[in-house]
């Protein structure tokens, strides 16, 4: 939340100081629905799939996101941000109605690209790292491209179904052997097995992408930030502390009204609580 200062607050400013920080030059938010992505399975997962009659979604987890930033030719100050997501998808594999389901885990990968403005910079940046009892180690020079930052929540598995390999969007082709080792270590078994039976999934994912640069900014300084709270060394009985916690009524009985939503039922005066009238 941005705090607004009045004119009277300037009397409390002691000095203007220069800070080195990251400034966001451009950003975008996306809501993507990616359909018919192939779920890559290890040899262990493929055995489970061969015996399965149907699958149903359970969860998805982003293992990593590779980010590359490149200048856009003939468009000064703009950069392309290329993202490659590696997502672990967990499904329930069902053989027949009377049999218990088995857990099926596989890998989904897909790419995403966007163009953002990141301004221009032509300086070379050198930094040092201090080593005790030794000479300072100089870090290599960094390029002038801005830094991209990606924020995302865990994807939602919207659909999963058994199909033929040719019915999927094969995003990796036959490059399973080139997967990073830390990605392969998240699964039991070995990737690269060949089969005509596959699983295609549909994912929904929310992302925020930012382009940042290291800049120096002048800001007002009021005073040093000195903690006013004393350190707590409370060793009271944990049951006594638990008794002071309010009963979580909303967790057991979710509320059916929202103050900021006029789609909820009206009260007796015809007011839904957000300034709208019936």
Protein backbone atom coordinates (compact mmCIF):
# COMPACT_ATOMS: atom_id res chain seq x y z
CA UNK A 1 0.00 0.00 0.00
CA UNK A 2 1.41 3.42 -0.97
CA UNK A 3 1.46 5.88 1.91
CA UNK A 4 0.60 9.49 1.06
CA UNK A 5 2.47 12.31 2.76
CA UNK A 6 1.03 15.78 3.36
CA UNK A 7 2.94 19.02 3.09
CA UNK A 8 3.33 19.18 6.86
CA UNK A 9 5.25 15.88 6.88
CA UNK A 10 8.16 17.51 5.04
CA UNK A 11 9.09 19.38 8.23
CA UNK A 12 10.07 16.03 9.77
CA UNK A 13 12.44 15.10 6.92
CA UNK A 14 16.01 15.19 8.22
CA UNK A 15 17.87 14.67 4.94
CA UNK A 16 17.62 13.31 1.42
CA UNK A 17 19.53 10.06 0.97
CA UNK A 18 20.51 8.08 -2.12
CA UNK A 19 19.58 4.39 -2.16
CA UNK A 20 20.54 1.69 -4.64
CA UNK A 21 17.45 -0.36 -5.47
CA UNK A 22 15.55 -2.13 -8.24
CA UNK A 23 13.01 -0.05 -10.12
CA UNK A 24 10.20 -1.74 -12.06
CA UNK A 25 10.11 -0.23 -15.56
CA UNK A 26 7.32 -2.39 -16.97
CA UNK A 27 5.13 -5.30 -15.91
CA UNK A 28 2.20 -7.38 -17.08
CA UNK A 29 -0.24 -9.88 -15.56
CA UNK A 30 -1.55 -12.90 -17.43
CA UNK A 31 -4.19 -15.56 -16.93
CA UNK A 32 -3.30 -18.47 -19.24
CA UNK A 33 -5.22 -21.64 -20.04
CA UNK A 34 -2.96 -24.15 -21.82
CA UNK A 35 -4.76 -27.11 -23.36
CA UNK A 36 -3.74 -30.60 -24.50
CA UNK A 37 -0.28 -30.59 -22.95
CA UNK A 38 1.41 -33.97 -22.86
CA UNK A 39 2.19 -35.36 -19.44
CA UNK A 40 5.67 -36.93 -19.66
CA UNK A 41 5.97 -40.04 -17.52
CA UNK A 42 8.87 -42.09 -16.22
CA UNK A 43 9.02 -45.84 -16.77
CA UNK A 44 7.33 -46.29 -13.36
CA UNK A 45 4.51 -43.92 -14.26
CA UNK A 46 4.05 -45.49 -17.68
CA UNK A 47 3.42 -48.88 -16.08
CA UNK A 48 0.64 -47.38 -13.99
CA UNK A 49 -0.86 -45.69 -17.06
CA UNK A 50 -0.89 -48.89 -19.12
CA UNK A 51 -3.18 -50.52 -16.56
CA UNK A 52 -5.37 -47.45 -16.02
CA UNK A 53 -8.81 -46.99 -17.55
CA UNK A 54 -9.18 -43.32 -16.67
CA UNK A 55 -7.41 -40.51 -14.78
CA UNK A 56 -8.61 -37.54 -12.75
CA UNK A 57 -6.78 -34.34 -11.71
CA UNK A 58 -5.35 -33.84 -8.25
CA UNK A 59 -2.70 -31.08 -8.08
CA UNK A 60 0.17 -29.30 -9.85
CA UNK A 61 3.44 -27.80 -8.60
CA UNK A 62 5.89 -25.51 -10.42
CA UNK A 63 9.36 -27.03 -10.09
CA UNK A 64 11.22 -24.27 -11.91
CA UNK A 65 10.89 -21.48 -14.44
CA UNK A 66 13.78 -20.62 -16.78
CA UNK A 67 13.85 -16.92 -17.71
CA UNK A 68 15.74 -15.35 -20.63
CA UNK A 69 15.83 -11.66 -21.57
CA UNK A 70 16.83 -10.49 -25.05
CA UNK A 71 16.71 -7.13 -26.83
CA UNK A 72 14.00 -6.66 -29.45
CA UNK A 73 15.60 -5.55 -32.76
CA UNK A 74 14.51 -2.16 -34.12
CA UNK A 75 12.43 -1.43 -31.03
CA UNK A 76 14.61 0.61 -28.70
CA UNK A 77 14.18 -0.06 -25.01
CA UNK A 78 11.99 -3.15 -25.48
CA UNK A 79 12.96 -6.68 -24.49
CA UNK A 80 11.48 -10.12 -25.03
CA UNK A 81 11.08 -12.25 -21.91
CA UNK A 82 11.06 -15.99 -22.69
CA UNK A 83 9.79 -18.30 -19.95
CA UNK A 84 9.99 -22.08 -19.77
CA UNK A 85 7.91 -23.70 -17.02
CA UNK A 86 8.57 -27.15 -15.58
CA UNK A 87 5.46 -28.36 -13.73
CA UNK A 88 4.92 -31.54 -11.75
CA UNK A 89 1.35 -32.81 -12.19
CA UNK A 90 -0.21 -35.38 -9.86
CA UNK A 91 -3.20 -37.45 -11.02
CA UNK A 92 -5.31 -40.33 -9.71
CA UNK A 93 -5.18 -43.35 -12.03
CA UNK A 94 -8.23 -45.63 -11.88
CA UNK A 95 -8.21 -49.17 -13.22
CA UNK A 96 -11.78 -50.21 -12.33
CA UNK A 97 -14.49 -48.93 -9.97
CA UNK A 98 -13.76 -51.55 -7.30
CA UNK A 99 -9.98 -51.02 -7.23
CA UNK A 100 -8.23 -48.27 -5.25
CA UNK A 101 -6.73 -45.46 -7.30
CA UNK A 102 -2.98 -45.12 -7.80
CA UNK A 103 -0.98 -41.92 -7.75
CA UNK A 104 0.39 -40.96 -11.16
CA UNK A 105 3.06 -38.20 -11.34
CA UNK A 106 4.40 -36.68 -14.54
CA UNK A 107 6.08 -33.62 -15.99
CA UNK A 108 4.51 -30.87 -18.09
CA UNK A 109 6.57 -28.15 -19.74
CA UNK A 110 5.52 -25.18 -21.85
CA UNK A 111 6.92 -21.87 -23.00
CA UNK A 112 5.58 -18.34 -22.75
CA UNK A 113 6.84 -15.08 -24.27
CA UNK A 114 6.05 -11.40 -23.73
CA UNK A 115 7.47 -8.02 -24.78
CA UNK A 116 8.11 -5.41 -22.08
CA UNK A 117 9.79 -2.02 -21.92
CA UNK A 118 13.02 -2.05 -19.93
CA UNK A 119 14.72 1.21 -21.00
CA UNK A 120 18.35 1.39 -22.19
CA UNK A 121 21.62 1.18 -20.33
CA UNK A 122 25.17 1.23 -21.67
CA UNK A 123 27.23 1.02 -18.50
CA UNK A 124 29.42 -1.85 -17.35
CA UNK A 125 28.83 -2.92 -13.78
CA UNK A 126 31.67 -4.33 -11.64
CA UNK A 127 31.29 -5.49 -8.05
CA UNK A 128 33.60 -7.07 -5.52
CA UNK A 129 33.19 -9.71 -2.86
CA UNK A 130 35.29 -9.36 0.29
CA UNK A 131 37.33 -12.40 1.35
CA UNK A 132 38.94 -12.34 4.76
CA UNK A 133 42.73 -12.81 4.82
CA UNK A 134 42.78 -12.63 1.04
CA UNK A 135 42.43 -10.17 -1.81
CA UNK A 136 38.96 -9.09 -2.81
CA UNK A 137 37.48 -11.26 -5.51
CA UNK A 138 36.10 -9.26 -8.42
CA UNK A 139 32.83 -10.45 -9.83
CA UNK A 140 32.48 -10.65 -13.64
CA UNK A 141 30.98 -7.69 -15.44
CA UNK A 142 27.22 -7.88 -15.94
CA UNK A 143 25.41 -6.96 -19.14
CA UNK A 144 23.08 -4.01 -19.55
CA UNK A 145 19.87 -6.00 -20.00
CA UNK A 146 17.24 -5.43 -17.31
CA UNK A 147 16.41 -8.22 -14.89
CA UNK A 148 13.15 -10.12 -15.32
CA UNK A 149 11.20 -11.36 -12.32
CA UNK A 150 8.31 -13.81 -12.56
CA UNK A 151 5.70 -14.32 -9.86
CA UNK A 152 3.18 -17.14 -10.15
CA UNK A 153 0.86 -19.24 -8.05
CA UNK A 154 0.59 -23.01 -8.32
CA UNK A 155 -1.29 -23.99 -11.51
CA UNK A 156 -4.75 -25.51 -11.50
CA UNK A 157 -5.25 -28.83 -13.29
CA UNK A 158 -8.49 -28.18 -15.16
CA UNK A 159 -8.68 -31.46 -17.05
CA UNK A 160 -6.79 -34.72 -17.63
CA UNK A 161 -7.59 -37.60 -19.96
CA UNK A 162 -5.93 -40.64 -21.50
CA UNK A 163 -5.20 -40.32 -25.21
CA UNK A 164 -2.76 -41.23 -27.96
CA UNK A 165 0.60 -39.47 -28.17
CA UNK A 166 -0.37 -37.83 -31.47
CA UNK A 167 -3.34 -36.10 -29.78
CA UNK A 168 -1.09 -34.08 -27.44
CA UNK A 169 0.81 -30.85 -27.89
CA UNK A 170 4.27 -32.43 -27.65
CA UNK A 171 6.28 -29.53 -26.28
CA UNK A 172 9.55 -31.42 -25.73
CA UNK A 173 9.59 -33.89 -28.60
CA UNK A 174 12.20 -36.55 -27.94
CA UNK A 175 14.33 -34.31 -25.72
CA UNK A 176 13.49 -36.00 -22.40
CA UNK A 177 17.13 -37.03 -22.04
CA UNK A 178 18.12 -33.34 -21.99
CA UNK A 179 16.03 -32.50 -18.91
CA UNK A 180 17.96 -30.81 -16.08
CA UNK A 181 19.09 -33.34 -13.42
CA UNK A 182 17.30 -31.50 -10.60
CA UNK A 183 14.03 -31.85 -12.52
CA UNK A 184 14.53 -35.60 -13.05
CA UNK A 185 15.36 -36.06 -9.34
CA UNK A 186 11.80 -34.98 -8.45
CA UNK A 187 10.39 -38.15 -10.02
CA UNK A 188 10.78 -41.86 -9.40
CA UNK A 189 12.15 -43.72 -12.41
CA UNK A 190 13.68 -42.62 -15.71
CA UNK A 191 12.20 -40.48 -18.48
CA UNK A 192 12.41 -41.45 -22.13
CA UNK A 193 10.20 -44.55 -22.38
CA UNK A 194 8.21 -44.88 -25.61
CA UNK A 195 4.51 -45.74 -25.70
CA UNK A 196 1.43 -44.99 -27.76
CA UNK A 197 -0.65 -44.40 -24.64
CA UNK A 198 -0.31 -40.95 -23.09
CA UNK A 199 -2.09 -38.38 -20.91
CA UNK A 200 -2.98 -34.85 -21.97
CA UNK A 201 -3.78 -32.18 -19.40
CA UNK A 202 -5.20 -28.67 -19.37
CA UNK A 203 -3.64 -26.18 -16.96
CA UNK A 204 -4.67 -22.76 -15.73
CA UNK A 205 -1.90 -20.48 -14.45
CA UNK A 206 -1.65 -16.88 -13.21
CA UNK A 207 1.61 -14.96 -13.68
CA UNK A 208 3.04 -11.47 -13.11
CA UNK A 209 6.16 -10.58 -15.12
CA UNK A 210 8.33 -7.54 -14.32
CA UNK A 211 11.39 -5.90 -15.87
CA UNK A 212 13.66 -4.24 -13.29
CA UNK A 213 16.84 -2.18 -13.39
CA UNK A 214 19.35 -1.34 -10.69
CA UNK A 215 19.04 2.43 -10.15
CA UNK A 216 19.98 5.07 -7.60
CA UNK A 217 17.02 7.01 -6.21
CA UNK A 218 16.83 10.04 -3.92
CA UNK A 219 14.34 9.57 -1.08
CA UNK A 220 13.47 11.55 2.06
CA UNK A 221 14.84 10.18 5.34
CA UNK A 222 12.93 10.81 8.56
CA UNK A 223 15.11 8.97 11.06
CA UNK A 224 16.81 5.66 11.68
CA UNK A 225 14.45 2.72 11.99
CA UNK A 226 14.96 1.69 15.61
CA UNK A 227 12.86 -1.25 16.90
CA UNK A 228 10.48 -0.26 19.67
CA UNK A 229 9.24 -3.75 20.56
CA UNK A 230 11.08 -5.76 23.18
CA UNK A 231 12.24 -9.28 22.35
CA UNK A 232 9.84 -11.84 23.76
CA UNK A 233 11.22 -14.72 25.81
CA UNK A 234 7.83 -16.04 26.80
CA UNK A 235 7.99 -19.65 28.01
CA UNK A 236 4.40 -19.89 29.22
CA UNK A 237 2.35 -23.04 29.08
CA UNK A 238 1.42 -23.73 25.41
CA UNK A 239 -2.11 -24.71 26.45
CA UNK A 240 -2.59 -21.29 28.07
CA UNK A 241 -1.49 -19.61 24.83
CA UNK A 242 -3.85 -21.83 22.84
CA UNK A 243 -6.80 -20.83 25.05
CA UNK A 244 -6.38 -17.18 24.02
CA UNK A 245 -6.86 -18.00 20.33
CA UNK A 246 -10.40 -17.30 19.13
CA UNK A 247 -12.42 -20.20 17.78
CA UNK A 248 -12.17 -20.16 13.94
CA UNK A 249 -15.90 -19.96 13.23
CA UNK A 250 -15.41 -18.93 9.57
CA UNK A 251 -13.36 -22.05 8.89
CA UNK A 252 -16.25 -24.29 9.95
CA UNK A 253 -19.07 -22.06 8.68
CA UNK A 254 -17.86 -20.02 5.65
CA UNK A 255 -19.61 -16.60 5.46
CA UNK A 256 -22.20 -16.18 2.72
CA UNK A 257 -21.84 -12.40 2.30
CA UNK A 258 -19.01 -10.12 1.19
CA UNK A 259 -18.91 -6.42 1.91
CA UNK A 260 -17.23 -5.68 -1.42
CA UNK A 261 -19.57 -7.76 -3.61
CA UNK A 262 -22.99 -6.42 -4.65
CA UNK A 263 -23.97 -9.86 -5.91
CA UNK A 264 -24.72 -10.94 -2.33
CA UNK A 265 -28.19 -10.85 -0.72
CA UNK A 266 -29.46 -7.42 0.35
CA UNK A 267 -30.21 -6.53 3.92
CA UNK A 268 -33.51 -5.25 5.18
CA UNK A 269 -32.81 -1.68 4.00
CA UNK A 270 -31.91 -2.79 0.48
CA UNK A 271 -28.25 -1.99 1.04
CA UNK A 272 -25.64 -4.65 0.33
CA UNK A 273 -23.01 -2.90 2.41
CA UNK A 274 -20.82 -1.58 -0.45
CA UNK A 275 -22.72 1.61 -1.28
CA UNK A 276 -25.05 0.00 -3.85
CA UNK A 277 -28.81 0.20 -3.47
CA UNK A 278 -31.38 -2.34 -4.47
